[in-house]
Protein backbone atom coordinates (compact mmCIF):
# COMPACT_ATOMS: atom_id res chain seq x y z
CA MET A 1 132.69 21.95 121.74
CA SER A 2 132.38 18.25 121.06
CA GLY A 3 128.79 18.46 123.06
CA TYR A 4 127.31 20.95 120.70
CA LEU A 5 128.55 18.64 117.74
CA SER A 6 127.35 15.29 119.36
CA LEU A 7 123.79 17.24 119.49
CA PHE A 8 123.92 18.52 115.93
CA LEU A 9 124.85 14.97 114.58
CA HIS A 10 121.90 13.73 116.92
CA ALA A 11 119.46 16.28 115.22
CA LEU A 12 120.80 15.58 111.91
CA ALA A 13 120.34 11.99 112.15
CA GLN A 14 116.82 12.26 113.54
CA VAL A 15 115.59 14.99 111.08
CA LEU A 16 117.14 12.42 108.31
CA SER A 17 115.60 9.39 109.28
CA ILE A 18 112.30 11.29 109.47
CA ALA A 19 112.75 12.82 106.16
CA LEU A 20 113.81 9.34 104.66
CA THR A 21 110.66 7.62 106.36
CA LEU A 22 108.49 10.48 105.01
CA TYR A 23 109.53 9.48 101.51
CA MET A 24 109.49 5.95 101.65
CA TRP A 25 105.60 6.44 102.55
CA ILE A 26 105.53 8.78 99.75
CA ILE A 27 106.84 6.21 97.35
CA ILE A 28 104.43 3.39 98.68
CA ILE A 29 101.40 5.81 98.25
CA ARG A 30 102.40 6.29 94.75
CA ALA A 31 102.90 2.62 93.85
CA LEU A 32 99.46 1.89 95.58
CA LEU A 33 97.67 4.91 93.59
CA SER A 34 98.92 3.45 90.20
CA TRP A 35 96.75 0.44 90.98
CA VAL A 36 93.43 2.49 90.81
CA ASN A 37 94.66 4.88 88.10
CA PRO A 38 93.48 8.05 89.68
CA ASP A 39 92.74 11.20 87.78
CA PRO A 40 95.93 12.76 86.81
CA TYR A 41 94.77 16.53 87.48
CA ASN A 42 94.23 16.11 90.96
CA PRO A 43 96.50 18.13 92.75
CA ILE A 44 97.52 15.51 95.21
CA VAL A 45 98.49 13.16 92.46
CA GLN A 46 100.38 15.53 90.85
CA PHE A 47 102.10 16.59 93.89
CA LEU A 48 103.19 12.63 94.54
CA HIS A 49 104.16 12.55 90.87
CA SER A 50 106.33 15.68 90.91
CA ILE A 51 108.27 14.50 93.83
CA THR A 52 108.84 10.78 92.88
CA GLU A 53 109.21 10.59 89.04
CA PRO A 54 112.79 12.23 88.99
CA VAL A 55 114.00 9.28 91.09
CA LEU A 56 111.80 6.77 89.85
CA TYR A 57 112.84 7.72 86.41
CA ARG A 58 116.68 7.31 87.23
CA VAL A 59 115.90 4.06 88.67
CA ARG A 60 114.13 2.88 85.74
CA LYS A 61 116.78 4.42 83.39
CA ALA A 62 119.52 2.81 85.21
CA ILE A 63 118.16 -0.47 85.65
CA PRO A 64 115.80 -1.37 82.47
CA MET A 65 113.53 -3.76 82.76
CA PRO A 66 111.87 -4.63 79.27
CA GLY A 67 108.84 -6.84 78.95
CA MET A 68 108.47 -7.16 82.76
CA GLY A 69 104.95 -5.49 82.89
CA LEU A 70 105.60 -4.68 86.71
CA ASP A 71 107.44 -1.48 87.68
CA LEU A 72 109.99 -2.63 90.57
CA SER A 73 111.55 0.62 90.83
CA PRO A 74 109.64 1.42 94.01
CA ILE A 75 110.76 -1.52 95.54
CA LEU A 76 114.39 -0.86 94.76
CA ILE A 77 114.13 2.81 95.99
CA ILE A 78 112.31 1.42 99.49
CA LEU A 79 115.22 -0.79 99.93
CA VAL A 80 118.11 1.82 99.26
CA ILE A 81 116.36 4.03 101.92
CA ILE A 82 115.95 1.19 104.29
CA PHE A 83 119.86 1.06 103.44
CA LEU A 84 120.41 4.73 104.30
CA GLN A 85 118.29 4.72 107.54
CA THR A 86 120.49 1.75 108.67
CA PHE A 87 123.69 2.88 107.72
CA LEU A 88 123.86 6.55 107.08
CA VAL A 89 121.59 7.68 110.21
CA GLY A 90 123.04 4.68 112.33
CA SER A 91 126.70 6.09 111.51
CA LEU A 92 125.65 9.56 112.62
CA GLU A 93 123.92 8.36 115.52
CA HIS A 94 127.18 6.15 116.21
CA ALA A 95 129.41 9.22 115.78
CA SER A 96 127.21 11.50 118.12
CA GLN A 97 127.30 9.06 120.99
CA SER A 98 131.37 8.61 120.53
CA LEU A 99 131.84 12.47 121.07
CA ARG A 100 129.63 12.64 124.48
């Protein structure tokens, strides 16, 4: 039974790592697109906005940066993603290996 749990934890760690990496790249693309002011009616731009704005909004609301002129929320989110990849995914991998 522990073999199946080990495989499950390993698979969960891999899927979580891929999802976090994908979201990090989406955040990076969104930040880069903000520099060129793309067409807001473009479906790709709308998709990127719809999946990133809820998280970006929460960070902006939690850590207000008035008068900065530079939105640091994407950087903070990327740092959180890196932390989650290192700690959470690493913990799942470690638990998976210890069950073998």
